[in-house]
PDB file of all heavy atoms in Angstrom:
ATOM      1  N   ILE A   1       0.481 -21.351  -3.324  1.00  0.00           N
ATOM      2  CA  ILE A   1      -0.524 -22.073  -4.095  1.00  0.00           C
ATOM      3  C   ILE A   1      -1.074 -21.226  -5.228  1.00  0.00           C
ATOM      4  O   ILE A   1      -1.704 -21.748  -6.154  1.00  0.00           O
ATOM      5  CB  ILE A   1      -1.669 -22.570  -3.196  1.00  0.00           C
ATOM      6  CG1 ILE A   1      -2.386 -21.393  -2.525  1.00  0.00           C
ATOM      7  CG2 ILE A   1      -1.158 -23.560  -2.167  1.00  0.00           C
ATOM      8  CD1 ILE A   1      -3.655 -21.788  -1.805  1.00  0.00           C
ATOM      9  N   LYS A   2      -0.824 -19.919  -5.176  1.00  0.00           N
ATOM     10  CA  LYS A   2      -1.291 -19.035  -6.248  1.00  0.00           C
ATOM     11  C   LYS A   2      -0.508 -17.743  -6.181  1.00  0.00           C
ATOM     12  O   LYS A   2      -0.200 -17.232  -5.104  1.00  0.00           O
ATOM     13  CB  LYS A   2      -2.794 -18.758  -6.107  1.00  0.00           C
ATOM     14  CG  LYS A   2      -3.394 -17.982  -7.265  1.00  0.00           C
ATOM     15  CD  LYS A   2      -4.898 -17.837  -7.092  1.00  0.00           C
ATOM     16  CE  LYS A   2      -5.524 -17.086  -8.255  1.00  0.00           C
ATOM     17  NZ  LYS A   2      -6.995 -16.943  -8.095  1.00  0.00           N
ATOM     18  N   GLN A   3      -0.187 -17.211  -7.335  1.00  0.00           N
ATOM     19  CA  GLN A   3       0.444 -15.895  -7.430  1.00  0.00           C
ATOM     20  C   GLN A   3      -0.555 -14.966  -8.106  1.00  0.00           C
ATOM     21  O   GLN A   3      -1.067 -15.277  -9.178  1.00  0.00           O
ATOM     22  CB  GLN A   3       1.725 -15.977  -8.250  1.00  0.00           C
ATOM     23  CG  GLN A   3       2.579 -14.733  -8.196  1.00  0.00           C
ATOM     24  CD  GLN A   3       3.363 -14.633  -6.882  1.00  0.00           C
ATOM     25  OE1 GLN A   3       3.845 -15.630  -6.385  1.00  0.00           O
ATOM     26  NE2 GLN A   3       3.473 -13.437  -6.348  1.00  0.00           N
ATOM     27  N   THR A   4      -0.865 -13.860  -7.469  1.00  0.00           N
ATOM     28  CA  THR A   4      -1.923 -12.999  -7.962  1.00  0.00           C
ATOM     29  C   THR A   4      -1.465 -11.554  -7.990  1.00  0.00           C
ATOM     30  O   THR A   4      -0.563 -11.162  -7.242  1.00  0.00           O
ATOM     31  CB  THR A   4      -3.177 -13.118  -7.093  1.00  0.00           C
ATOM     32  OG1 THR A   4      -4.154 -12.161  -7.526  1.00  0.00           O
ATOM     33  CG2 THR A   4      -2.884 -12.864  -5.620  1.00  0.00           C
ATOM     34  N   HIS A   5      -2.092 -10.773  -8.846  1.00  0.00           N
ATOM     35  CA  HIS A   5      -1.840  -9.332  -8.875  1.00  0.00           C
ATOM     36  C   HIS A   5      -2.894  -8.584  -8.068  1.00  0.00           C
ATOM     37  O   HIS A   5      -3.043  -7.378  -8.197  1.00  0.00           O
ATOM     38  CB  HIS A   5      -1.840  -8.819 -10.316  1.00  0.00           C
ATOM     39  CG  HIS A   5      -0.721  -9.370 -11.122  1.00  0.00           C
ATOM     40  ND1 HIS A   5       0.592  -9.051 -10.887  1.00  0.00           N
ATOM     41  CD2 HIS A   5      -0.705 -10.245 -12.165  1.00  0.00           C
ATOM     42  CE1 HIS A   5       1.369  -9.698 -11.740  1.00  0.00           C
ATOM     43  NE2 HIS A   5       0.614 -10.424 -12.522  1.00  0.00           N
ATOM     44  N   TYR A   6      -3.596  -9.328  -7.229  1.00  0.00           N
ATOM     45  CA  TYR A   6      -4.651  -8.729  -6.403  1.00  0.00           C
ATOM     46  C   TYR A   6      -4.128  -7.513  -5.637  1.00  0.00           C
ATOM     47  O   TYR A   6      -3.059  -7.544  -5.074  1.00  0.00           O
ATOM     48  CB  TYR A   6      -5.176  -9.755  -5.405  1.00  0.00           C
ATOM     49  CG  TYR A   6      -6.085  -9.174  -4.351  1.00  0.00           C
ATOM     50  CD1 TYR A   6      -7.415  -8.876  -4.652  1.00  0.00           C
ATOM     51  CD2 TYR A   6      -5.617  -8.904  -3.080  1.00  0.00           C
ATOM     52  CE1 TYR A   6      -8.244  -8.338  -3.694  1.00  0.00           C
ATOM     53  CE2 TYR A   6      -6.446  -8.365  -2.116  1.00  0.00           C
ATOM     54  CZ  TYR A   6      -7.763  -8.080  -2.425  1.00  0.00           C
ATOM     55  OH  TYR A   6      -8.581  -7.533  -1.469  1.00  0.00           O
ATOM     56  N   GLY A   7      -4.930  -6.461  -5.642  1.00  0.00           N
ATOM     57  CA  GLY A   7      -4.645  -5.332  -4.773  1.00  0.00           C
ATOM     58  C   GLY A   7      -3.767  -4.247  -5.364  1.00  0.00           C
ATOM     59  O   GLY A   7      -3.435  -3.302  -4.672  1.00  0.00           O
ATOM     60  N   LYS A   8      -3.368  -4.336  -6.638  1.00  0.00           N
ATOM     61  CA  LYS A   8      -2.494  -3.291  -7.184  1.00  0.00           C
ATOM     62  C   LYS A   8      -3.154  -1.911  -7.122  1.00  0.00           C
ATOM     63  O   LYS A   8      -2.537  -0.920  -6.745  1.00  0.00           O
ATOM     64  CB  LYS A   8      -2.095  -3.619  -8.617  1.00  0.00           C
ATOM     65  CG  LYS A   8      -0.967  -4.640  -8.715  1.00  0.00           C
ATOM     66  CD  LYS A   8      -0.460  -4.745 -10.138  1.00  0.00           C
ATOM     67  CE  LYS A   8       0.778  -5.641 -10.193  1.00  0.00           C
ATOM     68  NZ  LYS A   8       1.288  -5.772 -11.564  1.00  0.00           N
ATOM     69  N   LYS A   9      -4.425  -1.871  -7.498  1.00  0.00           N
ATOM     70  CA  LYS A   9      -5.134  -0.599  -7.459  1.00  0.00           C
ATOM     71  C   LYS A   9      -5.227  -0.080  -6.040  1.00  0.00           C
ATOM     72  O   LYS A   9      -4.965   1.097  -5.764  1.00  0.00           O
ATOM     73  CB  LYS A   9      -6.528  -0.752  -8.061  1.00  0.00           C
ATOM     74  CG  LYS A   9      -7.355   0.529  -8.040  1.00  0.00           C
ATOM     75  CD  LYS A   9      -8.727   0.297  -8.677  1.00  0.00           C
ATOM     76  CE  LYS A   9      -9.575   1.566  -8.614  1.00  0.00           C
ATOM     77  NZ  LYS A   9     -10.915   1.356  -9.187  1.00  0.00           N
ATOM     78  N   ASN A  10      -5.587  -0.963  -5.096  1.00  0.00           N
ATOM     79  CA  ASN A  10      -5.731  -0.539  -3.715  1.00  0.00           C
ATOM     80  C   ASN A  10      -4.386  -0.183  -3.100  1.00  0.00           C
ATOM     81  O   ASN A  10      -4.284   0.713  -2.271  1.00  0.00           O
ATOM     82  CB  ASN A  10      -6.405  -1.649  -2.906  1.00  0.00           C
ATOM     83  CG  ASN A  10      -7.846  -1.854  -3.343  1.00  0.00           C
ATOM     84  OD1 ASN A  10      -8.532  -0.905  -3.662  1.00  0.00           O
ATOM     85  ND2 ASN A  10      -8.279  -3.090  -3.374  1.00  0.00           N
ATOM     86  N   LEU A  11      -3.333  -0.879  -3.514  1.00  0.00           N
ATOM     87  CA  LEU A  11      -2.011  -0.542  -3.023  1.00  0.00           C
ATOM     88  C   LEU A  11      -1.609   0.848  -3.483  1.00  0.00           C
ATOM     89  O   LEU A  11      -0.998   1.609  -2.737  1.00  0.00           O
ATOM     90  CB  LEU A  11      -0.996  -1.578  -3.493  1.00  0.00           C
ATOM     91  CG  LEU A  11       0.434  -1.377  -2.984  1.00  0.00           C
ATOM     92  CD1 LEU A  11       0.453  -1.424  -1.469  1.00  0.00           C
ATOM     93  CD2 LEU A  11       1.344  -2.439  -3.565  1.00  0.00           C
ATOM     94  N   ALA A  12      -1.968   1.218  -4.707  1.00  0.00           N
ATOM     95  CA  ALA A  12      -1.683   2.569  -5.192  1.00  0.00           C
ATOM     96  C   ALA A  12      -2.390   3.611  -4.341  1.00  0.00           C
ATOM     97  O   ALA A  12      -1.840   4.657  -4.017  1.00  0.00           O
ATOM     98  CB  ALA A  12      -2.100   2.698  -6.656  1.00  0.00           C
ATOM     99  N   LEU A  13      -3.622   3.307  -3.937  1.00  0.00           N
ATOM    100  CA  LEU A  13      -4.356   4.217  -3.067  1.00  0.00           C
ATOM    101  C   LEU A  13      -3.662   4.347  -1.721  1.00  0.00           C
ATOM    102  O   LEU A  13      -3.547   5.436  -1.161  1.00  0.00           O
ATOM    103  CB  LEU A  13      -5.797   3.718  -2.870  1.00  0.00           C
ATOM    104  CG  LEU A  13      -6.733   3.889  -4.060  1.00  0.00           C
ATOM    105  CD1 LEU A  13      -8.029   3.130  -3.823  1.00  0.00           C
ATOM    106  CD2 LEU A  13      -7.033   5.361  -4.307  1.00  0.00           C
ATOM    107  N   ALA A  14      -3.202   3.222  -1.199  1.00  0.00           N
ATOM    108  CA  ALA A  14      -2.514   3.248   0.085  1.00  0.00           C
ATOM    109  C   ALA A  14      -1.238   4.072  -0.002  1.00  0.00           C
ATOM    110  O   ALA A  14      -0.903   4.829   0.903  1.00  0.00           O
ATOM    111  CB  ALA A  14      -2.195   1.822   0.536  1.00  0.00           C
ATOM    112  N   THR A  15      -0.514   3.948  -1.123  1.00  0.00           N
ATOM    113  CA  THR A  15       0.711   4.706  -1.315  1.00  0.00           C
ATOM    114  C   THR A  15       0.408   6.201  -1.390  1.00  0.00           C
ATOM    115  O   THR A  15       1.116   7.023  -0.812  1.00  0.00           O
ATOM    116  CB  THR A  15       1.424   4.250  -2.599  1.00  0.00           C
ATOM    117  OG1 THR A  15       1.681   2.847  -2.501  1.00  0.00           O
ATOM    118  CG2 THR A  15       2.728   5.004  -2.799  1.00  0.00           C
ATOM    119  N   ALA A  16      -0.692   6.540  -2.071  1.00  0.00           N
ATOM    120  CA  ALA A  16      -1.089   7.945  -2.161  1.00  0.00           C
ATOM    121  C   ALA A  16      -1.431   8.505  -0.788  1.00  0.00           C
ATOM    122  O   ALA A  16      -1.221   9.680  -0.507  1.00  0.00           O
ATOM    123  CB  ALA A  16      -2.291   8.083  -3.098  1.00  0.00           C
ATOM    124  N   TYR A  17      -1.954   7.634   0.097  1.00  0.00           N
ATOM    125  CA  TYR A  17      -2.310   8.065   1.443  1.00  0.00           C
ATOM    126  C   TYR A  17      -1.071   8.539   2.201  1.00  0.00           C
ATOM    127  O   TYR A  17      -1.124   9.489   2.973  1.00  0.00           O
ATOM    128  CB  TYR A  17      -2.998   6.904   2.184  1.00  0.00           C
ATOM    129  CG  TYR A  17      -3.194   7.138   3.647  1.00  0.00           C
ATOM    130  CD1 TYR A  17      -4.113   8.070   4.107  1.00  0.00           C
ATOM    131  CD2 TYR A  17      -2.441   6.434   4.577  1.00  0.00           C
ATOM    132  CE1 TYR A  17      -4.282   8.286   5.458  1.00  0.00           C
ATOM    133  CE2 TYR A  17      -2.605   6.644   5.919  1.00  0.00           C
ATOM    134  CZ  TYR A  17      -3.530   7.567   6.361  1.00  0.00           C
ATOM    135  OH  TYR A  17      -3.685   7.766   7.697  1.00  0.00           O
ATOM    136  N   GLY A  18       0.071   7.879   1.976  1.00  0.00           N
ATOM    137  CA  GLY A  18       1.326   8.337   2.573  1.00  0.00           C
ATOM    138  C   GLY A  18       1.704   7.567   3.823  1.00  0.00           C
ATOM    139  O   GLY A  18       0.868   7.198   4.616  1.00  0.00           O
ATOM    140  N   ARG A  19       3.032   7.352   3.989  1.00  0.00           N
ATOM    141  CA  ARG A  19       3.529   6.635   5.152  1.00  0.00           C
ATOM    142  C   ARG A  19       4.844   7.281   5.588  1.00  0.00           C
ATOM    143  O   ARG A  19       5.897   6.659   5.582  1.00  0.00           O
ATOM    144  CB  ARG A  19       3.758   5.148   4.826  1.00  0.00           C
ATOM    145  CG  ARG A  19       2.496   4.404   4.526  1.00  0.00           C
ATOM    146  CD  ARG A  19       2.811   3.042   3.970  1.00  0.00           C
ATOM    147  NE  ARG A  19       3.674   3.131   2.794  1.00  0.00           N
ATOM    148  CZ  ARG A  19       3.243   3.455   1.596  1.00  0.00           C
ATOM    149  NH1 ARG A  19       1.970   3.713   1.391  1.00  0.00           N
ATOM    150  NH2 ARG A  19       4.064   3.521   0.575  1.00  0.00           N
ATOM    151  N   ASP A  20       4.783   8.526   5.983  1.00  0.00           N
ATOM    152  CA  ASP A  20       5.984   9.227   6.403  1.00  0.00           C
ATOM    153  C   ASP A  20       6.454   8.654   7.738  1.00  0.00           C
ATOM    154  O   ASP A  20       5.709   8.608   8.696  1.00  0.00           O
ATOM    155  CB  ASP A  20       5.651  10.715   6.558  1.00  0.00           C
ATOM    156  CG  ASP A  20       6.877  11.561   6.844  1.00  0.00           C
ATOM    157  OD1 ASP A  20       7.919  11.011   7.297  1.00  0.00           O
ATOM    158  OD2 ASP A  20       6.803  12.774   6.627  1.00  0.00           O
ATOM    159  N   GLY A  21       7.705   8.229   7.803  1.00  0.00           N
ATOM    160  CA  GLY A  21       8.223   7.674   9.039  1.00  0.00           C
ATOM    161  C   GLY A  21       8.131   8.638  10.209  1.00  0.00           C
ATOM    162  O   GLY A  21       8.107   8.230  11.362  1.00  0.00           O
ATOM    163  N   ASN A  22       8.059   9.946   9.938  1.00  0.00           N
ATOM    164  CA  ASN A  22       7.933  10.919  11.016  1.00  0.00           C
ATOM    165  C   ASN A  22       6.568  10.861  11.687  1.00  0.00           C
ATOM    166  O   ASN A  22       6.362  11.483  12.723  1.00  0.00           O
ATOM    167  CB  ASN A  22       8.164  12.332  10.467  1.00  0.00           C
ATOM    168  CG  ASN A  22       9.591  12.528  10.000  1.00  0.00           C
ATOM    169  OD1 ASN A  22      10.514  11.981  10.575  1.00  0.00           O
ATOM    170  ND2 ASN A  22       9.760  13.301   8.946  1.00  0.00           N
ATOM    171  N   ASP A  23       5.604  10.131  11.078  1.00  0.00           N
ATOM    172  CA  ASP A  23       4.288  10.022  11.671  1.00  0.00           C
ATOM    173  C   ASP A  23       4.226   8.959  12.755  1.00  0.00           C
ATOM    174  O   ASP A  23       3.216   8.818  13.421  1.00  0.00           O
ATOM    175  CB  ASP A  23       3.239   9.671  10.605  1.00  0.00           C
ATOM    176  CG  ASP A  23       2.989  10.829   9.677  1.00  0.00           C
ATOM    177  OD1 ASP A  23       3.251  11.975  10.067  1.00  0.00           O
ATOM    178  OD2 ASP A  23       2.527  10.577   8.552  1.00  0.00           O
ATOM    179  N   LEU A  24       5.308   8.199  12.936  1.00  0.00           N
ATOM    180  CA  LEU A  24       5.291   7.154  13.940  1.00  0.00           C
ATOM    181  C   LEU A  24       5.333   7.764  15.333  1.00  0.00           C
ATOM    182  O   LEU A  24       6.014   8.735  15.598  1.00  0.00           O
ATOM    183  CB  LEU A  24       6.488   6.211  13.758  1.00  0.00           C
ATOM    184  CG  LEU A  24       6.475   5.406  12.464  1.00  0.00           C
ATOM    185  CD1 LEU A  24       7.766   4.624  12.330  1.00  0.00           C
ATOM    186  CD2 LEU A  24       5.285   4.454  12.436  1.00  0.00           C
ATOM    187  N   HIS A  25       4.553   7.150  16.213  1.00  0.00           N
ATOM    188  CA  HIS A  25       4.469   7.648  17.583  1.00  0.00           C
ATOM    189  C   HIS A  25       4.765   6.509  18.551  1.00  0.00           C
ATOM    190  O   HIS A  25       4.404   5.366  18.308  1.00  0.00           O
ATOM    191  CB  HIS A  25       3.075   8.203  17.873  1.00  0.00           C
ATOM    192  CG  HIS A  25       2.705   9.343  16.995  1.00  0.00           C
ATOM    193  ND1 HIS A  25       3.124  10.629  17.219  1.00  0.00           N
ATOM    194  CD2 HIS A  25       1.984   9.387  15.850  1.00  0.00           C
ATOM    195  CE1 HIS A  25       2.656  11.411  16.259  1.00  0.00           C
ATOM    196  NE2 HIS A  25       1.966  10.692  15.425  1.00  0.00           N
TER     197      HIS A  25
END
């Protein structure tokens, strides 16, 4: 119903936080 660019800034922050697969437990 809508296409939005919401969250690009916050997504960049999340990416900076890091998601190394080795962190999975």
